[in-house]
Amino acid sequence: MALSSRPEVPAFDASDLKELKRTLVTACRVLDREGITDGYGHVSARVPGADAFLTIANVSPGLATVERLIMMDLDGKYLGGAETPPNEWPIHACVFKVRPDVMSIAHTHSIWSSLFSVLPIKLRPLHHYGKFLSVNGPPIYQGAGLVRTVERGDALAKALGDEPVVLMRAHGDTVVGASIEQVVQRTVRLAKLGELTHLALLHGEPRYLTAEELETFNADERFPARGWEYYISRLGKRES
């Protein structure tokens, strides 16, 4: 595989990337531990200050290791690490290219995202776990097939727009955020929101949160490290 020469991109083995790579591997294992991923799915992280990203190679999230990470630029060129990219690398490359605010992306085949991607009912926030969503819930990417081409990646990024989540019809979801930790927690909470909505609909029409109520929840004090610490603790229990 030919290497891409981008002098502003650090080497894959650069010491500055060690912590980012460890966190990325941990994120993959957390999503596996929480039952969000199975043999498929992937998480990525933008390389700070560079038009490049790290993600897992063609490996299941639960088996992710630092040695099985790959670095690519936003055109999909290989920059280092394992040499087999995930099939749907254009999800990450195309979203990073048009969303400079995004530092991490997760794509999963979450059962709850998959369910609401094919229903006529929108997955709207009815619990404060969904406060990062807009009042009308996430958009849906309607394209069929895996996102294995730049054309499909561009279409997905367009469907995502400025939102934090896009559901993928008959497929799953893509979740974005300002950090790996935020993306993981958003992905888990999106699944919990889907499960709660499914249960609520069994009893009638849910009382969804209004835009004003979402603003109130978002203004409340937050402790983002608390959720991440909890998921790490659960991961440790499994591995022990």
C-alpha atoms as a PDB file:
ATOM      1  CA  MET A   1       0.000   0.000   0.000  1.00  0.00           C
ATOM      2  CA  ALA A   2       1.427   3.374  -1.019  1.00  0.00           C
ATOM      3  CA  LEU A   3       1.998   5.885   1.728  1.00  0.00           C
ATOM      4  CA  SER A   4       0.550   9.390   1.530  1.00  0.00           C
ATOM      5  CA  SER A   5       3.080  12.158   2.124  1.00  0.00           C
ATOM      6  CA  ARG A   6       1.541  14.900   4.281  1.00  0.00           C
ATOM      7  CA  PRO A   7       4.291  16.692   6.245  1.00  0.00           C
ATOM      8  CA  GLU A   8       1.804  18.325   8.642  1.00  0.00           C
ATOM      9  CA  VAL A   9       0.491  14.933   9.766  1.00  0.00           C
ATOM     10  CA  PRO A  10       2.418  13.293  12.644  1.00  0.00           C
ATOM     11  CA  ALA A  11       3.800   9.816  12.142  1.00  0.00           C
ATOM     12  CA  PHE A  12       1.503   7.011  13.221  1.00  0.00           C
ATOM     13  CA  ASP A  13       3.989   6.044  15.938  1.00  0.00           C
ATOM     14  CA  ALA A  14       4.424   9.614  17.222  1.00  0.00           C
ATOM     15  CA  SER A  15       4.369   9.848  21.005  1.00  0.00           C
ATOM     16  CA  ASP A  16       1.811  12.668  20.779  1.00  0.00           C
ATOM     17  CA  LEU A  17      -0.754  10.164  19.490  1.00  0.00           C
ATOM     18  CA  LYS A  18      -0.287   7.484  22.161  1.00  0.00           C
ATOM     19  CA  GLU A  19      -3.039   8.693  24.484  1.00  0.00           C
ATOM     20  CA  LEU A  20      -5.454   9.339  21.633  1.00  0.00           C
ATOM     21  CA  LYS A  21      -4.923   5.799  20.331  1.00  0.00           C
ATOM     22  CA  ARG A  22      -5.418   4.253  23.769  1.00  0.00           C
ATOM     23  CA  THR A  23      -8.664   6.178  24.241  1.00  0.00           C
ATOM     24  CA  LEU A  24      -9.869   5.137  20.802  1.00  0.00           C
ATOM     25  CA  VAL A  25      -9.277   1.454  21.569  1.00  0.00           C
ATOM     26  CA  THR A  26     -11.044   1.853  24.903  1.00  0.00           C
ATOM     27  CA  ALA A  27     -14.018   3.475  23.167  1.00  0.00           C
ATOM     28  CA  CYS A  28     -14.403   0.512  20.835  1.00  0.00           C
ATOM     29  CA  ARG A  29     -14.344  -1.901  23.746  1.00  0.00           C
ATOM     30  CA  VAL A  30     -16.838   0.144  25.749  1.00  0.00           C
ATOM     31  CA  LEU A  31     -19.363   0.095  22.906  1.00  0.00           C
ATOM     32  CA  ASP A  32     -18.873  -3.659  22.631  1.00  0.00           C
ATOM     33  CA  ARG A  33     -19.286  -4.106  26.397  1.00  0.00           C
ATOM     34  CA  GLU A  34     -22.498  -2.071  26.356  1.00  0.00           C
ATOM     35  CA  GLY A  35     -23.971  -4.238  23.623  1.00  0.00           C
ATOM     36  CA  ILE A  36     -24.071  -1.493  21.005  1.00  0.00           C
ATOM     37  CA  THR A  37     -21.665  -3.108  18.547  1.00  0.00           C
ATOM     38  CA  ASP A  38     -21.252  -6.732  17.549  1.00  0.00           C
ATOM     39  CA  GLY A  39     -18.777  -7.962  14.960  1.00  0.00           C
ATOM     40  CA  TYR A  40     -19.127  -4.694  13.081  1.00  0.00           C
ATOM     41  CA  GLY A  41     -18.937  -0.944  13.648  1.00  0.00           C
ATOM     42  CA  HIS A  42     -16.079   1.457  14.190  1.00  0.00           C
ATOM     43  CA  VAL A  43     -15.016   4.589  16.046  1.00  0.00           C
ATOM     44  CA  SER A  44     -12.621   7.228  14.750  1.00  0.00           C
ATOM     45  CA  ALA A  45     -10.739  10.238  16.085  1.00  0.00           C
ATOM     46  CA  ARG A  46      -9.457  13.238  14.181  1.00  0.00           C
ATOM     47  CA  VAL A  47      -5.701  13.715  14.403  1.00  0.00           C
ATOM     48  CA  PRO A  48      -5.395  17.130  16.095  1.00  0.00           C
ATOM     49  CA  GLY A  49      -4.285  19.864  13.720  1.00  0.00           C
ATOM     50  CA  ALA A  50      -4.190  17.602  10.675  1.00  0.00           C
ATOM     51  CA  ASP A  51      -6.455  16.488   7.839  1.00  0.00           C
ATOM     52  CA  ALA A  52      -6.257  12.900   9.047  1.00  0.00           C
ATOM     53  CA  PHE A  53      -7.965  10.453  11.374  1.00  0.00           C
ATOM     54  CA  LEU A  54      -7.382   7.259  13.299  1.00  0.00           C
ATOM     55  CA  THR A  55      -9.803   4.351  13.317  1.00  0.00           C
ATOM     56  CA  ILE A  56      -9.774   0.607  13.768  1.00  0.00           C
ATOM     57  CA  ALA A  57      -8.653  -1.523  10.864  1.00  0.00           C
ATOM     58  CA  ASN A  58     -10.937  -4.227   9.495  1.00  0.00           C
ATOM     59  CA  VAL A  59     -11.494  -5.740  12.948  1.00  0.00           C
ATOM     60  CA  SER A  60     -14.436  -6.100  15.322  1.00  0.00           C
ATOM     61  CA  PRO A  61     -14.634  -3.285  17.925  1.00  0.00           C
ATOM     62  CA  GLY A  62     -14.421  -5.727  20.816  1.00  0.00           C
ATOM     63  CA  LEU A  63     -11.074  -6.964  19.484  1.00  0.00           C
ATOM     64  CA  ALA A  64      -9.558  -3.526  18.914  1.00  0.00           C
ATOM     65  CA  THR A  65      -5.933  -2.968  19.920  1.00  0.00           C
ATOM     66  CA  VAL A  66      -3.443  -0.189  19.282  1.00  0.00           C
ATOM     67  CA  GLU A  67      -1.684  -2.487  16.822  1.00  0.00           C
ATOM     68  CA  ARG A  68      -4.914  -2.814  14.825  1.00  0.00           C
ATOM     69  CA  LEU A  69      -5.465   0.904  14.299  1.00  0.00           C
ATOM     70  CA  ILE A  70      -4.990   2.647  10.968  1.00  0.00           C
ATOM     71  CA  MET A  71      -4.350   6.310  10.128  1.00  0.00           C
ATOM     72  CA  MET A  72      -5.778   7.808   6.925  1.00  0.00           C
ATOM     73  CA  ASP A  73      -6.148  11.253   5.419  1.00  0.00           C
ATOM     74  CA  LEU A  74      -9.494  12.753   4.478  1.00  0.00           C
ATOM     75  CA  ASP A  75      -9.172  11.452   0.928  1.00  0.00           C
ATOM     76  CA  GLY A  76      -8.764   7.894   2.190  1.00  0.00           C
ATOM     77  CA  LYS A  77      -5.007   7.649   1.636  1.00  0.00           C
ATOM     78  CA  TYR A  78      -3.064   5.376   3.968  1.00  0.00           C
ATOM     79  CA  LEU A  79      -0.844   7.151   6.500  1.00  0.00           C
ATOM     80  CA  GLY A  80       0.292   4.369   8.795  1.00  0.00           C
ATOM     81  CA  GLY A  81      -0.620   1.525  11.101  1.00  0.00           C
ATOM     82  CA  ALA A  82      -2.522  -1.588  10.095  1.00  0.00           C
ATOM     83  CA  GLU A  83      -3.012  -1.691   6.343  1.00  0.00           C
ATOM     84  CA  THR A  84      -6.614  -2.849   6.013  1.00  0.00           C
ATOM     85  CA  PRO A  85      -9.122  -0.020   6.554  1.00  0.00           C
ATOM     86  CA  PRO A  86     -12.709  -0.661   7.635  1.00  0.00           C
ATOM     87  CA  ASN A  87     -15.080  -1.118   4.701  1.00  0.00           C
ATOM     88  CA  GLU A  88     -16.944   2.072   5.525  1.00  0.00           C
ATOM     89  CA  TRP A  89     -13.985   4.403   6.029  1.00  0.00           C
ATOM     90  CA  PRO A  90     -15.742   7.060   3.834  1.00  0.00           C
ATOM     91  CA  ILE A  91     -18.178   7.670   6.698  1.00  0.00           C
ATOM     92  CA  HIS A  92     -15.319   9.122   8.721  1.00  0.00           C
ATOM     93  CA  ALA A  93     -13.377  10.810   5.930  1.00  0.00           C
ATOM     94  CA  CYS A  94     -16.393  12.555   4.411  1.00  0.00           C
ATOM     95  CA  VAL A  95     -17.896  13.732   7.703  1.00  0.00           C
ATOM     96  CA  PHE A  96     -14.564  15.016   9.037  1.00  0.00           C
ATOM     97  CA  LYS A  97     -14.050  16.890   5.790  1.00  0.00           C
ATOM     98  CA  VAL A  98     -17.257  18.941   6.053  1.00  0.00           C
ATOM     99  CA  ARG A  99     -17.556  19.151   9.854  1.00  0.00           C
ATOM    100  CA  PRO A 100     -14.431  20.815  11.313  1.00  0.00           C
ATOM    101  CA  ASP A 101     -16.194  20.896  14.698  1.00  0.00           C
ATOM    102  CA  VAL A 102     -16.245  17.096  14.859  1.00  0.00           C
ATOM    103  CA  MET A 103     -13.340  15.365  16.592  1.00  0.00           C
ATOM    104  CA  SER A 104     -14.733  11.838  16.795  1.00  0.00           C
ATOM    105  CA  ILE A 105     -17.255   9.651  14.962  1.00  0.00           C
ATOM    106  CA  ALA A 106     -18.912   6.338  15.808  1.00  0.00           C
ATOM    107  CA  HIS A 107     -20.777   4.129  13.365  1.00  0.00           C
ATOM    108  CA  THR A 108     -22.740   1.222  14.824  1.00  0.00           C
ATOM    109  CA  HIS A 109     -25.498  -1.164  13.871  1.00  0.00           C
ATOM    110  CA  SER A 110     -27.371  -0.421  17.096  1.00  0.00           C
ATOM    111  CA  ILE A 111     -30.619  -2.399  17.201  1.00  0.00           C
ATOM    112  CA  TRP A 112     -32.529   0.678  18.390  1.00  0.00           C
ATOM    113  CA  SER A 113     -31.180   3.009  15.725  1.00  0.00           C
ATOM    114  CA  SER A 114     -31.859   0.345  13.120  1.00  0.00           C
ATOM    115  CA  LEU A 115     -35.441  -0.026  14.366  1.00  0.00           C
ATOM    116  CA  PHE A 116     -36.268   3.672  14.228  1.00  0.00           C
ATOM    117  CA  SER A 117     -34.542   4.060  10.872  1.00  0.00           C
ATOM    118  CA  VAL A 118     -37.343   2.027   9.247  1.00  0.00           C
ATOM    119  CA  LEU A 119     -40.375   3.171  11.241  1.00  0.00           C
ATOM    120  CA  PRO A 120     -42.727   6.030  10.325  1.00  0.00           C
ATOM    121  CA  ILE A 121     -42.224   7.270  13.902  1.00  0.00           C
ATOM    122  CA  LYS A 122     -39.374   9.692  14.555  1.00  0.00           C
ATOM    123  CA  LEU A 123     -36.905   9.004  17.352  1.00  0.00           C
ATOM    124  CA  ARG A 124     -37.506  12.219  19.266  1.00  0.00           C
ATOM    125  CA  PRO A 125     -36.140  13.132  22.700  1.00  0.00           C
ATOM    126  CA  LEU A 126     -38.525  12.174  25.526  1.00  0.00           C
ATOM    127  CA  HIS A 127     -35.861  11.822  28.223  1.00  0.00           C
ATOM    128  CA  HIS A 128     -32.949  14.042  29.185  1.00  0.00           C
ATOM    129  CA  TYR A 129     -30.555  11.424  27.781  1.00  0.00           C
ATOM    130  CA  GLY A 130     -31.652  12.741  24.392  1.00  0.00           C
ATOM    131  CA  LYS A 131     -30.959  16.372  25.189  1.00  0.00           C
ATOM    132  CA  PHE A 132     -28.121  16.523  22.658  1.00  0.00           C
ATOM    133  CA  LEU A 133     -30.641  15.914  19.866  1.00  0.00           C
ATOM    134  CA  SER A 134     -32.811  18.492  18.154  1.00  0.00           C
ATOM    135  CA  VAL A 135     -36.480  18.584  19.103  1.00  0.00           C
ATOM    136  CA  ASN A 136     -37.483  16.668  15.957  1.00  0.00           C
ATOM    137  CA  GLY A 137     -34.839  13.983  16.428  1.00  0.00           C
ATOM    138  CA  PRO A 138     -32.102  12.855  14.045  1.00  0.00           C
ATOM    139  CA  PRO A 139     -32.413  12.876  10.244  1.00  0.00           C
ATOM    140  CA  ILE A 140     -32.330   9.619   8.299  1.00  0.00           C
ATOM    141  CA  TYR A 141     -29.896   8.745   5.542  1.00  0.00           C
ATOM    142  CA  GLN A 142     -31.981   6.856   3.007  1.00  0.00           C
ATOM    143  CA  GLY A 143     -29.222   5.330   0.882  1.00  0.00           C
ATOM    144  CA  ALA A 144     -29.051   1.559   0.506  1.00  0.00           C
ATOM    145  CA  GLY A 145     -25.808  -0.381   0.743  1.00  0.00           C
ATOM    146  CA  LEU A 146     -22.703  -0.010   2.863  1.00  0.00           C
ATOM    147  CA  VAL A 147     -20.994   3.382   2.781  1.00  0.00           C
ATOM    148  CA  ARG A 148     -17.924   2.090   0.956  1.00  0.00           C
ATOM    149  CA  THR A 149     -17.559   4.904  -1.596  1.00  0.00           C
ATOM    150  CA  VAL A 150     -16.850   8.609  -1.311  1.00  0.00           C
ATOM    151  CA  GLU A 151     -20.087   9.299  -3.186  1.00  0.00           C
ATOM    152  CA  ARG A 152     -22.083   7.525  -0.488  1.00  0.00           C
ATOM    153  CA  GLY A 153     -19.964   9.107   2.232  1.00  0.00           C
ATOM    154  CA  ASP A 154     -20.734  12.566   0.861  1.00  0.00           C
ATOM    155  CA  ALA A 155     -24.445  11.718   0.754  1.00  0.00           C
ATOM    156  CA  LEU A 156     -24.323  10.556   4.367  1.00  0.00           C
ATOM    157  CA  ALA A 157     -22.504  13.723   5.451  1.00  0.00           C
ATOM    158  CA  LYS A 158     -25.132  15.798   3.645  1.00  0.00           C
ATOM    159  CA  ALA A 159     -27.929  13.939   5.423  1.00  0.00           C
ATOM    160  CA  LEU A 160     -26.169  14.490   8.776  1.00  0.00           C
ATOM    161  CA  GLY A 161     -25.830  18.228   8.154  1.00  0.00           C
ATOM    162  CA  ASP A 162     -25.133  20.066  11.407  1.00  0.00           C
ATOM    163  CA  GLU A 163     -26.794  17.428  13.579  1.00  0.00           C
ATOM    164  CA  PRO A 164     -25.045  15.194  16.153  1.00  0.00           C
ATOM    165  CA  VAL A 165     -26.640  12.001  14.799  1.00  0.00           C
ATOM    166  CA  VAL A 166     -27.911  10.566  11.543  1.00  0.00           C
ATOM    167  CA  LEU A 167     -29.821   7.298  11.440  1.00  0.00           C
ATOM    168  CA  MET A 168     -29.103   5.060   8.467  1.00  0.00           C
ATOM    169  CA  ARG A 169     -32.128   3.301   7.020  1.00  0.00           C
ATOM    170  CA  ALA A 170     -32.014  -0.469   7.514  1.00  0.00           C
ATOM    171  CA  HIS A 171     -28.424  -0.093   8.711  1.00  0.00           C
ATOM    172  CA  GLY A 172     -27.708   1.727  11.987  1.00  0.00           C
ATOM    173  CA  ASP A 173     -26.370   5.145  12.927  1.00  0.00           C
ATOM    174  CA  THR A 174     -23.509   7.611  12.731  1.00  0.00           C
ATOM    175  CA  VAL A 175     -22.856   9.730  15.826  1.00  0.00           C
ATOM    176  CA  VAL A 176     -20.435  12.673  15.998  1.00  0.00           C
ATOM    177  CA  GLY A 177     -19.005  14.785  18.789  1.00  0.00           C
ATOM    178  CA  ALA A 178     -16.270  17.000  20.148  1.00  0.00           C
ATOM    179  CA  SER A 179     -14.364  14.111  21.746  1.00  0.00           C
ATOM    180  CA  ILE A 180     -14.162  10.332  21.766  1.00  0.00           C
ATOM    181  CA  GLU A 181     -15.704  10.240  25.225  1.00  0.00           C
ATOM    182  CA  GLN A 182     -18.645  12.378  24.142  1.00  0.00           C
ATOM    183  CA  VAL A 183     -19.299  10.254  21.064  1.00  0.00           C
ATOM    184  CA  VAL A 184     -19.319   7.036  23.081  1.00  0.00           C
ATOM    185  CA  GLN A 185     -21.731   8.425  25.662  1.00  0.00           C
ATOM    186  CA  ARG A 186     -23.983   9.859  22.960  1.00  0.00           C
ATOM    187  CA  THR A 187     -24.052   6.505  21.176  1.00  0.00           C
ATOM    188  CA  VAL A 188     -24.996   4.620  24.346  1.00  0.00           C
ATOM    189  CA  ARG A 189     -27.637   7.180  25.299  1.00  0.00           C
ATOM    190  CA  LEU A 190     -29.091   7.147  21.797  1.00  0.00           C
ATOM    191  CA  ALA A 191     -29.648   3.398  22.184  1.00  0.00           C
ATOM    192  CA  LYS A 192     -31.241   3.897  25.610  1.00  0.00           C
ATOM    193  CA  LEU A 193     -33.484   6.589  24.162  1.00  0.00           C
ATOM    194  CA  GLY A 194     -34.575   4.200  21.409  1.00  0.00           C
ATOM    195  CA  GLU A 195     -35.402   1.472  23.926  1.00  0.00           C
ATOM    196  CA  LEU A 196     -37.308   3.885  26.166  1.00  0.00           C
ATOM    197  CA  THR A 197     -39.259   5.284  23.207  1.00  0.00           C
ATOM    198  CA  HIS A 198     -40.158   1.773  22.067  1.00  0.00           C
ATOM    199  CA  LEU A 199     -41.501   0.969  25.543  1.00  0.00           C
ATOM    200  CA  ALA A 200     -43.365   4.283  25.850  1.00  0.00           C
ATOM    201  CA  LEU A 201     -45.121   3.754  22.522  1.00  0.00           C
ATOM    202  CA  LEU A 202     -46.615   0.520  23.868  1.00  0.00           C
ATOM    203  CA  HIS A 203     -48.658   2.666  26.263  1.00  0.00           C
ATOM    204  CA  GLY A 204     -49.749   5.433  23.914  1.00  0.00           C
ATOM    205  CA  GLU A 205     -48.366   8.680  22.521  1.00  0.00           C
ATOM    206  CA  PRO A 206     -45.302   9.797  24.536  1.00  0.00           C
ATOM    207  CA  ARG A 207     -44.978  13.306  25.882  1.00  0.00           C
ATOM    208  CA  TYR A 208     -41.868  14.415  23.998  1.00  0.00           C
ATOM    209  CA  LEU A 209     -39.615  17.178  25.260  1.00  0.00           C
ATOM    210  CA  THR A 210     -40.170  20.636  23.813  1.00  0.00           C
ATOM    211  CA  ALA A 211     -37.399  22.894  22.511  1.00  0.00           C
ATOM    212  CA  GLU A 212     -37.672  24.969  25.690  1.00  0.00           C
ATOM    213  CA  GLU A 213     -37.408  21.902  27.897  1.00  0.00           C
ATOM    214  CA  LEU A 214     -34.349  20.710  25.983  1.00  0.00           C
ATOM    215  CA  GLU A 215     -32.746  24.113  26.588  1.00  0.00           C
ATOM    216  CA  THR A 216     -33.478  23.780  30.305  1.00  0.00           C
ATOM    217  CA  PHE A 217     -31.892  20.328  30.493  1.00  0.00           C
ATOM    218  CA  ASN A 218     -28.878  21.492  28.495  1.00  0.00           C
ATOM    219  CA  ALA A 219     -28.389  24.430  30.855  1.00  0.00           C
ATOM    220  CA  ASP A 220     -28.171  22.155  33.891  1.00  0.00           C
ATOM    221  CA  GLU A 221     -24.776  21.395  35.422  1.00  0.00           C
ATOM    222  CA  ARG A 222     -23.053  18.471  33.755  1.00  0.00           C
ATOM    223  CA  PHE A 223     -20.338  16.036  34.803  1.00  0.00           C
ATOM    224  CA  PRO A 224     -19.183  14.489  31.501  1.00  0.00           C
ATOM    225  CA  ALA A 225     -16.288  12.558  33.065  1.00  0.00           C
ATOM    226  CA  ARG A 226     -18.665  10.705  35.386  1.00  0.00           C
ATOM    227  CA  GLY A 227     -20.344   8.637  32.666  1.00  0.00           C
ATOM    228  CA  TRP A 228     -17.053   7.809  30.975  1.00  0.00           C
ATOM    229  CA  GLU A 229     -15.544   6.660  34.289  1.00  0.00           C
ATOM    230  CA  TYR A 230     -18.574   4.415  34.836  1.00  0.00           C
ATOM    231  CA  TYR A 231     -18.263   2.739  31.432  1.00  0.00           C
ATOM    232  CA  ILE A 232     -14.536   2.205  31.988  1.00  0.00           C
ATOM    233  CA  SER A 233     -15.295   0.510  35.320  1.00  0.00           C
ATOM    234  CA  ARG A 234     -17.708  -1.898  33.621  1.00  0.00           C
ATOM    235  CA  LEU A 235     -15.125  -2.694  30.991  1.00  0.00           C
ATOM    236  CA  GLY A 236     -12.616  -3.558  33.690  1.00  0.00           C
ATOM    237  CA  LYS A 237     -15.042  -5.960  35.340  1.00  0.00           C
ATOM    238  CA  ARG A 238     -15.538  -7.861  32.107  1.00  0.00           C
ATOM    239  CA  GLU A 239     -11.829  -8.115  31.365  1.00  0.00           C
ATOM    240  CA  SER A 240     -11.020  -9.242  34.900  1.00  0.00           C
END
